[in-house]
N, C-alpha and C. Protein backbone atom coordinates (compact mmCIF):
# COMPACT_ATOMS: atom_id res chain seq x y z
N UNK A 1 25.26 -12.84 -19.66
CA UNK A 1 24.95 -13.70 -17.87
C UNK A 1 26.35 -13.18 -17.38
N UNK A 2 27.63 -13.38 -17.08
CA UNK A 2 28.26 -13.24 -16.75
C UNK A 2 28.37 -11.82 -15.40
N UNK A 3 27.68 -10.91 -16.00
CA UNK A 3 27.87 -9.47 -15.10
C UNK A 3 26.16 -10.22 -14.51
N UNK A 4 25.41 -10.56 -14.53
CA UNK A 4 24.19 -10.71 -13.61
C UNK A 4 24.62 -12.17 -12.79
N UNK A 5 25.66 -13.08 -12.90
CA UNK A 5 26.39 -13.76 -12.04
C UNK A 5 27.34 -13.14 -10.99
N UNK A 6 27.90 -12.21 -11.36
CA UNK A 6 28.49 -11.56 -10.57
C UNK A 6 27.78 -10.35 -9.88
N UNK A 7 27.28 -10.15 -10.70
CA UNK A 7 25.54 -9.23 -9.07
C UNK A 7 25.84 -9.68 -8.07
N UNK A 8 25.05 -11.04 -8.34
CA UNK A 8 24.05 -11.79 -7.23
C UNK A 8 25.09 -12.23 -6.13
N UNK A 9 26.87 -12.28 -6.48
CA UNK A 9 28.04 -12.63 -6.17
C UNK A 9 28.46 -11.21 -4.96
N UNK A 10 28.31 -10.05 -5.36
CA UNK A 10 28.16 -8.61 -5.32
C UNK A 10 28.07 -8.48 -4.28
N UNK A 11 26.49 -8.18 -4.43
CA UNK A 11 24.74 -7.99 -3.82
C UNK A 11 25.72 -9.03 -2.36
N UNK A 12 25.87 -10.25 -2.33
CA UNK A 12 25.18 -11.41 -1.39
C UNK A 12 26.68 -10.82 -0.70
N UNK A 13 27.46 -10.11 -0.65
CA UNK A 13 28.90 -9.51 0.12
C UNK A 13 28.30 -8.20 0.95
N UNK A 14 27.10 -7.81 0.89
CA UNK A 14 26.87 -6.75 1.28
C UNK A 14 27.62 -5.78 1.09
N UNK A 15 28.20 -4.47 1.79
CA UNK A 15 28.76 -3.36 1.75
C UNK A 15 30.22 -3.54 1.39
N UNK A 16 30.75 -4.74 1.51
CA UNK A 16 32.33 -4.72 0.92
C UNK A 16 31.64 -5.28 -0.70
N UNK A 17 30.75 -5.97 -1.32
CA UNK A 17 30.25 -5.69 -3.14
C UNK A 17 30.36 -4.51 -3.38
N UNK A 18 30.08 -3.83 -2.76
CA UNK A 18 28.79 -2.83 -3.21
C UNK A 18 29.43 -1.98 -4.48
N UNK A 19 30.58 -1.49 -4.83
CA UNK A 19 31.73 -0.87 -5.28
C UNK A 19 31.69 -2.04 -7.01
N UNK A 20 31.82 -3.58 -6.51
CA UNK A 20 31.44 -4.20 -7.84
C UNK A 20 30.03 -4.15 -8.32
N UNK A 21 29.15 -4.88 -7.37
CA UNK A 21 28.17 -4.49 -8.08
C UNK A 21 27.71 -4.00 -8.92
N UNK A 22 28.11 -2.79 -8.58
CA UNK A 22 27.77 -0.94 -9.13
C UNK A 22 28.20 -0.94 -10.83
N UNK A 23 29.18 -1.66 -10.66
CA UNK A 23 30.65 -1.54 -11.81
C UNK A 23 29.65 -2.34 -12.31
N UNK A 24 29.30 -4.02 -12.36
CA UNK A 24 28.22 -5.16 -13.04
C UNK A 24 26.90 -4.21 -13.46
N UNK A 25 26.50 -3.61 -12.64
CA UNK A 25 24.92 -2.37 -12.39
C UNK A 25 25.42 -1.38 -14.25
N UNK A 26 26.82 -1.44 -14.15
CA UNK A 26 26.97 -0.13 -15.08
C UNK A 26 27.63 -0.65 -16.68
N UNK A 27 27.99 -1.95 -16.19
CA UNK A 27 28.50 -3.01 -17.38
C UNK A 27 27.09 -3.49 -17.97
N UNK A 28 25.94 -4.06 -17.52
CA UNK A 28 24.50 -4.24 -17.59
C UNK A 28 24.33 -2.99 -18.34
N UNK A 29 24.16 -1.95 -18.41
CA UNK A 29 23.22 -0.82 -18.35
C UNK A 29 23.70 -0.55 -19.61
N UNK A 30 25.39 -0.80 -19.44
CA UNK A 30 25.98 -0.34 -21.35
C UNK A 30 25.27 -1.05 -22.24
N UNK A 31 25.71 -2.55 -21.52
CA UNK A 31 25.19 -3.32 -22.64
C UNK A 31 23.91 -3.65 -23.21
N UNK A 32 22.67 -3.24 -22.26
CA UNK A 32 21.25 -3.58 -22.71
C UNK A 32 20.88 -1.88 -21.72
N UNK A 33 21.11 -0.88 -22.74
CA UNK A 33 20.72 0.07 -22.08
C UNK A 33 19.17 0.39 -22.14
N UNK A 34 18.50 -0.11 -22.93
CA UNK A 34 16.73 0.35 -22.76
C UNK A 34 16.35 -1.08 -21.42
N UNK A 35 16.95 -1.48 -20.96
CA UNK A 35 16.42 -2.40 -19.52
C UNK A 35 16.50 -2.04 -18.68
N UNK A 36 14.53 -1.95 -18.16
CA UNK A 36 14.17 -0.85 -17.43
C UNK A 36 14.97 -1.76 -16.15
N UNK A 37 15.00 -3.03 -15.59
CA UNK A 37 15.54 -3.43 -14.42
C UNK A 37 16.05 -2.99 -14.20
N UNK A 38 17.72 -2.56 -14.91
CA UNK A 38 18.63 -2.73 -14.83
C UNK A 38 19.46 -0.86 -14.61
N UNK A 39 18.37 0.10 -14.96
CA UNK A 39 18.31 0.82 -14.51
C UNK A 39 17.93 1.63 -13.52
N UNK A 40 16.49 0.60 -12.79
CA UNK A 40 16.33 1.14 -11.52
C UNK A 40 17.17 0.28 -10.62
N UNK A 41 18.38 -0.95 -10.59
CA UNK A 41 18.23 -1.31 -9.83
C UNK A 41 19.92 -0.29 -9.60
N UNK A 42 20.70 0.20 -11.27
CA UNK A 42 21.70 1.43 -10.49
C UNK A 42 21.25 2.27 -10.51
N UNK A 43 21.03 3.16 -10.22
CA UNK A 43 19.81 4.68 -9.67
C UNK A 43 20.73 4.75 -8.39
N UNK A 44 20.30 4.06 -7.26
CA UNK A 44 20.75 4.00 -5.55
C UNK A 44 21.63 3.13 -5.44
N UNK A 45 22.60 2.39 -6.54
CA UNK A 45 23.80 2.79 -6.52
C UNK A 45 25.14 4.30 -6.17
N UNK A 46 24.20 5.17 -7.68
CA UNK A 46 24.97 6.12 -7.60
C UNK A 46 24.63 7.10 -6.56
N UNK A 47 25.68 8.09 -5.88
CA UNK A 47 25.81 9.63 -5.40
C UNK A 47 24.77 10.43 -5.53
N UNK A 48 24.00 10.58 -4.48
CA UNK A 48 23.03 11.77 -5.24
C UNK A 48 23.60 13.68 -5.19
N UNK A 49 24.73 13.43 -4.49
CA UNK A 49 25.68 14.79 -4.60
C UNK A 49 26.87 15.26 -5.68
N UNK A 50 26.33 13.68 -5.91
CA UNK A 50 27.51 14.16 -6.93
C UNK A 50 27.40 13.33 -8.36
N UNK A 51 26.07 12.55 -8.28
CA UNK A 51 25.93 11.86 -10.05
C UNK A 51 24.74 12.70 -9.93
N UNK A 52 24.64 13.60 -9.76
CA UNK A 52 22.63 14.11 -10.49
C UNK A 52 22.00 14.29 -11.13
N UNK A 53 23.11 14.61 -12.08
CA UNK A 53 23.19 14.90 -13.72
C UNK A 53 22.72 13.24 -14.43
N UNK A 54 23.96 12.48 -13.92
CA UNK A 54 23.43 10.87 -14.74
C UNK A 54 22.11 10.47 -14.08
N UNK A 55 21.47 10.51 -12.98
CA UNK A 55 20.92 9.96 -12.97
C UNK A 55 19.49 10.31 -13.07
N UNK A 56 19.75 11.94 -13.39
CA UNK A 56 18.45 12.23 -14.07
C UNK A 56 18.49 12.05 -15.18
N UNK A 57 19.80 11.40 -15.67
CA UNK A 57 19.86 11.22 -17.72
C UNK A 57 18.96 9.79 -17.74
N UNK A 58 19.09 9.02 -16.47
CA UNK A 58 19.13 7.02 -16.09
C UNK A 58 17.32 7.52 -15.79
N UNK A 59 16.85 8.54 -15.42
CA UNK A 59 15.75 8.83 -15.45
C UNK A 59 14.72 9.10 -16.61
N UNK A 60 15.42 9.93 -17.07
CA UNK A 60 15.21 10.31 -18.91
C UNK A 60 14.78 8.83 -19.56
N UNK A 61 15.42 8.28 -20.01
CA UNK A 61 16.26 7.02 -20.23
C UNK A 61 15.50 6.11 -20.16
N UNK A 62 14.64 5.73 -18.34
CA UNK A 62 13.45 4.83 -17.88
C UNK A 62 12.22 5.22 -18.34
N UNK A 63 12.26 6.71 -18.42
CA UNK A 63 10.37 7.36 -18.45
C UNK A 63 10.71 7.37 -20.44
N UNK A 64 11.37 7.90 -21.07
CA UNK A 64 11.40 7.20 -22.13
C UNK A 64 10.88 5.54 -22.63
N UNK A 65 10.56 4.09 -21.93
CA UNK A 65 10.56 3.76 -22.20
C UNK A 65 9.30 3.53 -21.78
N UNK A 66 8.54 1.74 -22.92
CA UNK A 66 7.46 1.79 -22.03
C UNK A 66 7.55 0.76 -20.86
N UNK A 67 6.57 1.40 -19.78
CA UNK A 67 7.05 0.69 -18.65
C UNK A 67 5.40 0.45 -18.35
N UNK A 68 5.26 -0.73 -17.52
CA UNK A 68 4.14 -1.13 -17.13
C UNK A 68 3.90 0.21 -16.06
N UNK A 69 2.59 0.08 -15.48
CA UNK A 69 1.71 0.83 -14.25
C UNK A 69 2.88 0.61 -13.00
N UNK A 70 3.31 0.05 -12.68
CA UNK A 70 3.79 -0.06 -11.18
C UNK A 70 5.14 0.19 -11.59
N UNK A 71 5.78 -0.26 -12.86
CA UNK A 71 7.21 0.24 -12.95
C UNK A 71 7.39 1.75 -12.95
N UNK A 72 6.04 1.65 -13.25
CA UNK A 72 6.04 3.27 -13.42
C UNK A 72 6.17 4.20 -12.10
N UNK A 73 5.24 3.80 -11.85
CA UNK A 73 5.03 3.81 -10.20
C UNK A 73 6.59 3.75 -9.16
N UNK A 74 6.53 2.97 -9.26
CA UNK A 74 7.38 3.00 -8.49
C UNK A 74 9.10 3.82 -8.57
N UNK A 75 9.39 3.63 -10.21
CA UNK A 75 10.61 4.42 -10.99
C UNK A 75 9.94 6.39 -10.11
N UNK A 76 8.73 6.17 -10.15
CA UNK A 76 7.80 7.97 -9.94
C UNK A 76 8.34 7.98 -7.98
N UNK A 77 8.16 7.31 -7.37
CA UNK A 77 8.44 7.04 -6.30
C UNK A 77 9.64 7.30 -5.64
N UNK A 78 10.36 6.69 -6.31
CA UNK A 78 12.18 6.54 -6.39
C UNK A 78 12.71 7.49 -6.03
N UNK A 79 12.11 8.34 -8.09
CA UNK A 79 12.44 9.96 -8.14
C UNK A 79 12.03 11.14 -7.10
N UNK A 80 11.01 10.83 -6.83
CA UNK A 80 10.23 11.94 -6.15
C UNK A 80 11.30 11.58 -4.70
N UNK A 81 11.39 10.41 -3.85
CA UNK A 81 12.54 10.50 -2.76
C UNK A 81 14.24 10.96 -2.89
N UNK A 82 14.55 10.84 -4.09
CA UNK A 82 15.99 11.33 -4.67
C UNK A 82 15.75 12.95 -4.90
N UNK A 83 14.52 13.30 -5.19
CA UNK A 83 14.48 14.52 -5.63
C UNK A 83 14.32 15.38 -4.00
N UNK A 84 13.32 14.94 -3.71
CA UNK A 84 12.92 15.31 -2.10
C UNK A 84 14.50 15.38 -1.01
N UNK A 85 15.84 14.58 -1.58
CA UNK A 85 16.44 14.36 -0.69
C UNK A 85 17.08 15.52 -0.97
N UNK A 86 18.05 15.87 -2.50
CA UNK A 86 18.15 17.24 -2.73
C UNK A 86 17.78 18.54 -2.94
N UNK A 87 16.13 18.72 -1.74
CA UNK A 87 15.34 19.71 -1.88
C UNK A 87 15.63 20.15 -3.27
N UNK A 88 14.89 19.33 -4.40
CA UNK A 88 14.44 19.76 -5.18
C UNK A 88 13.23 19.78 -5.67
N UNK A 89 12.27 20.54 -5.10
CA UNK A 89 11.00 20.98 -4.36
C UNK A 89 10.21 20.19 -5.71
N UNK A 90 10.13 21.47 -6.86
CA UNK A 90 9.17 21.28 -8.22
C UNK A 90 8.96 20.44 -8.36
N UNK A 91 10.58 19.58 -8.70
CA UNK A 91 10.47 18.62 -9.19
C UNK A 91 9.79 17.18 -8.26
N UNK A 92 10.47 16.73 -7.28
CA UNK A 92 9.66 16.75 -6.24
C UNK A 92 8.01 16.43 -7.04
N UNK A 93 7.54 17.85 -6.38
CA UNK A 93 6.52 17.99 -6.38
C UNK A 93 5.56 17.01 -8.06
N UNK A 94 6.27 17.38 -8.96
CA UNK A 94 5.81 17.24 -10.27
C UNK A 94 5.53 15.42 -10.42
N UNK A 95 6.73 14.62 -9.69
CA UNK A 95 6.37 13.70 -9.14
C UNK A 95 5.69 13.07 -8.71
N UNK A 96 5.21 13.34 -8.02
CA UNK A 96 3.44 13.16 -6.37
C UNK A 96 2.75 13.25 -7.29
N UNK A 97 2.57 14.17 -8.34
CA UNK A 97 1.63 14.53 -8.63
C UNK A 97 1.10 13.29 -9.51
N UNK A 98 1.86 12.87 -10.50
CA UNK A 98 2.27 11.79 -11.46
C UNK A 98 2.03 10.85 -10.61
N UNK A 99 2.78 10.36 -9.27
CA UNK A 99 2.27 9.40 -9.02
C UNK A 99 1.11 9.46 -8.36
N UNK A 100 -0.37 10.31 -7.93
CA UNK A 100 -1.39 10.00 -7.45
C UNK A 100 -1.88 10.24 -8.11
N UNK A 101 -1.91 10.47 -9.77
CA UNK A 101 -2.34 10.29 -11.25
C UNK A 101 -2.78 8.45 -10.93
N UNK A 102 -1.45 7.77 -10.78
CA UNK A 102 -1.67 6.48 -11.46
C UNK A 102 -1.78 5.90 -9.78
N UNK A 103 -1.83 6.44 -8.89
CA UNK A 103 -2.60 5.31 -7.58
C UNK A 103 -2.61 6.76 -6.41
N UNK A 104 -3.87 7.02 -5.83
CA UNK A 104 -4.19 7.59 -5.32
C UNK A 104 -3.57 6.67 -3.05
N UNK A 105 -2.47 6.86 -3.57
CA UNK A 105 -1.99 6.34 -1.73
C UNK A 105 -2.14 6.83 -0.89
N UNK A 106 -2.59 6.65 0.27
CA UNK A 106 -2.30 7.96 1.66
C UNK A 106 -1.18 8.26 1.56
N UNK A 107 -0.29 8.00 1.17
CA UNK A 107 1.26 7.85 1.96
C UNK A 107 1.91 9.17 0.60
N UNK A 108 1.37 8.87 -0.68
CA UNK A 108 2.11 9.99 -1.71
C UNK A 108 1.14 11.14 -0.98
N UNK A 109 -0.07 11.37 -0.42
CA UNK A 109 -0.70 12.80 -0.82
C UNK A 109 0.32 13.14 0.73
N UNK A 110 0.72 12.14 2.16
CA UNK A 110 1.59 12.41 3.18
C UNK A 110 3.26 13.46 2.40
N UNK A 111 4.02 12.64 1.13
CA UNK A 111 5.04 13.36 1.37
C UNK A 111 4.64 13.96 -0.11
N UNK A 112 3.19 14.76 -0.77
CA UNK A 112 3.03 15.93 -1.79
C UNK A 112 3.13 16.78 -0.32
N UNK A 113 2.90 16.50 0.74
CA UNK A 113 2.03 17.47 2.24
C UNK A 113 3.45 17.96 2.23
N UNK A 114 4.20 17.19 2.64
CA UNK A 114 5.83 17.62 3.07
C UNK A 114 6.09 18.71 1.48
N UNK A 115 6.32 18.28 0.74
CA UNK A 115 7.11 19.08 -0.41
C UNK A 115 6.38 20.20 -0.14
N UNK A 116 4.93 20.44 -0.17
CA UNK A 116 4.19 21.42 -0.42
C UNK A 116 4.69 22.26 0.80
N UNK A 117 4.66 21.84 1.64
CA UNK A 117 4.91 23.11 3.19
C UNK A 117 6.23 23.31 2.90
N UNK A 118 7.22 22.60 2.82
CA UNK A 118 8.48 23.01 2.05
C UNK A 118 8.55 24.49 1.20
N UNK A 119 7.75 24.11 0.15
CA UNK A 119 7.76 25.39 -0.97
C UNK A 119 6.75 26.66 -0.14
N UNK A 120 6.41 26.34 1.04
CA UNK A 120 5.33 27.63 1.77
C UNK A 120 3.87 27.60 1.10
N UNK A 121 3.34 26.05 0.53
CA UNK A 121 2.69 26.16 0.66
C UNK A 121 1.92 25.43 1.64
N UNK A 122 1.32 26.37 2.80
CA UNK A 122 0.54 25.43 3.86
C UNK A 122 -0.90 25.30 3.56
N UNK A 123 -1.63 25.57 3.07
CA UNK A 123 -3.14 25.51 3.17
C UNK A 123 -3.19 23.98 2.19
N UNK A 124 -2.06 24.14 0.92
CA UNK A 124 -2.25 23.14 -0.04
C UNK A 124 -1.28 21.73 0.76
N UNK A 125 -0.78 21.51 1.37
CA UNK A 125 -0.23 20.92 2.60
C UNK A 125 -1.03 20.14 3.28
N UNK A 126 -2.17 21.11 4.23
CA UNK A 126 -3.13 20.90 4.86
C UNK A 126 -3.81 20.21 3.99
N UNK A 127 -4.56 19.97 3.16
CA UNK A 127 -5.26 19.56 2.52
C UNK A 127 -5.05 18.19 1.38
N UNK A 128 -3.53 17.72 1.68
CA UNK A 128 -3.41 17.04 1.42
C UNK A 128 -3.07 15.76 2.35
N UNK A 129 -2.44 16.64 3.66
CA UNK A 129 -3.00 15.59 4.74
C UNK A 129 -4.40 14.83 5.45
N UNK A 130 -5.34 16.18 4.91
CA UNK A 130 -6.55 15.52 5.13
C UNK A 130 -6.81 14.84 3.84
N UNK A 131 -6.57 14.44 3.01
CA UNK A 131 -6.96 13.69 1.72
C UNK A 131 -6.02 12.54 2.10
N UNK A 132 -4.96 12.74 3.28
CA UNK A 132 -4.24 11.34 3.46
C UNK A 132 -5.00 10.46 4.47
N UNK A 133 -4.97 11.55 5.24
CA UNK A 133 -6.27 10.86 6.45
C UNK A 133 -7.67 9.56 6.28
N UNK A 134 -8.29 10.98 5.12
CA UNK A 134 -9.49 10.50 4.27
C UNK A 134 -9.36 8.95 3.90
N UNK A 135 -7.97 8.59 2.72
CA UNK A 135 -7.76 7.74 1.93
C UNK A 135 -7.72 7.03 3.06
N UNK A 136 -6.56 6.84 4.13
CA UNK A 136 -6.26 5.72 5.00
C UNK A 136 -7.34 5.46 5.56
N UNK A 137 -8.32 6.17 6.27
CA UNK A 137 -9.68 5.26 6.49
C UNK A 137 -9.75 5.34 7.83
N UNK A 138 -8.95 6.13 8.32
CA UNK A 138 -8.67 5.85 10.26
C UNK A 138 -7.75 6.84 11.27
N UNK A 139 -8.39 7.23 12.12
CA UNK A 139 -7.45 8.00 12.79
C UNK A 139 -6.03 7.30 12.76
N UNK A 140 -5.51 8.55 12.64
CA UNK A 140 -3.89 8.14 12.24
C UNK A 140 -2.56 9.43 13.16
N UNK A 141 -2.70 8.49 14.54
CA UNK A 141 -2.02 9.81 15.19
C UNK A 141 -1.13 11.14 14.82
N UNK A 142 -0.49 10.17 13.52
CA UNK A 142 1.61 11.37 12.85
C UNK A 142 0.54 12.10 12.08
N UNK A 143 -0.30 11.84 11.94
CA UNK A 143 -1.45 12.76 10.37
C UNK A 143 -1.78 13.62 11.50
N UNK A 144 -2.49 13.22 11.86
CA UNK A 144 -2.85 14.22 12.77
C UNK A 144 -2.12 15.32 13.38
N UNK A 145 -1.39 14.73 14.20
CA UNK A 145 -0.25 15.87 14.57
C UNK A 145 0.25 16.64 13.36
N UNK A 146 0.78 16.09 12.61
CA UNK A 146 1.69 16.63 11.58
C UNK A 146 0.37 17.72 11.10
N UNK A 147 -0.88 17.60 10.81
CA UNK A 147 -2.06 18.65 10.14
C UNK A 147 -1.93 19.33 10.95
N UNK A 148 -2.04 18.87 12.65
CA UNK A 148 -2.23 20.25 13.45
C UNK A 148 -1.38 21.48 13.75
N UNK A 149 0.13 20.47 13.58
CA UNK A 149 1.21 21.53 13.12
C UNK A 149 1.62 22.49 12.14
N UNK A 150 1.18 21.86 11.54
CA UNK A 150 0.53 22.52 9.68
C UNK A 150 -1.06 23.93 9.43
N UNK A 151 -2.03 23.13 11.10
CA UNK A 151 -2.42 24.32 10.88
C UNK A 151 -2.18 25.74 12.08
N UNK A 152 -1.69 25.29 12.84
CA UNK A 152 -0.92 26.54 13.74
C UNK A 152 -0.35 27.02 12.95
N UNK A 153 0.97 27.01 12.42
CA UNK A 153 1.86 27.61 11.28
C UNK A 153 1.14 28.76 10.41
N UNK A 154 -0.93 27.90 10.20
CA UNK A 154 -1.56 28.91 9.21
C UNK A 154 -2.85 29.73 9.88
N UNK A 155 -2.31 29.64 10.97
CA UNK A 155 -3.00 29.93 12.87
C UNK A 155 -4.29 29.91 12.56
N UNK A 156 -4.64 28.94 11.87
CA UNK A 156 -6.26 28.58 11.49
C UNK A 156 -6.22 27.94 13.06
N UNK A 157 -6.71 28.85 13.90
CA UNK A 157 -6.86 27.73 15.68
C UNK A 157 -7.96 27.58 15.63
N UNK A 158 -8.77 27.91 14.68
CA UNK A 158 -10.72 26.97 14.42
C UNK A 158 -10.74 25.06 14.68
């Protein structure tokens, strides 16, 4: 309980309490290693460029736990963003596929299209952007522009 109280204090300090908040979360995770909320709070405090192994280990622990669907969705979203950030495209694609199995949100199709483009799957990216537009249910200038640029790359001028 002391670490929870300290965590709140350090978080209220913003950037000045960043290091101390991370240490509190590390301690909380050590004390209660199977608590999903501590794991999910700890991950953003870690440096993706130096702590990749630790982050993947934390996600493995997280996904081994019984998570409700909203927590599972949040965890897949976090991991897909981190994997995209470090250009682990195949892993990001797997996570986005899992996200879309849980919830067909337009933004997940959009994100998957970006990953497919990075993997040179232009046709798949175009299909995903079309699904995003259909799921959104309205004309979206950003998505239309993005899809148009991909159609140009694919030389689908018609």
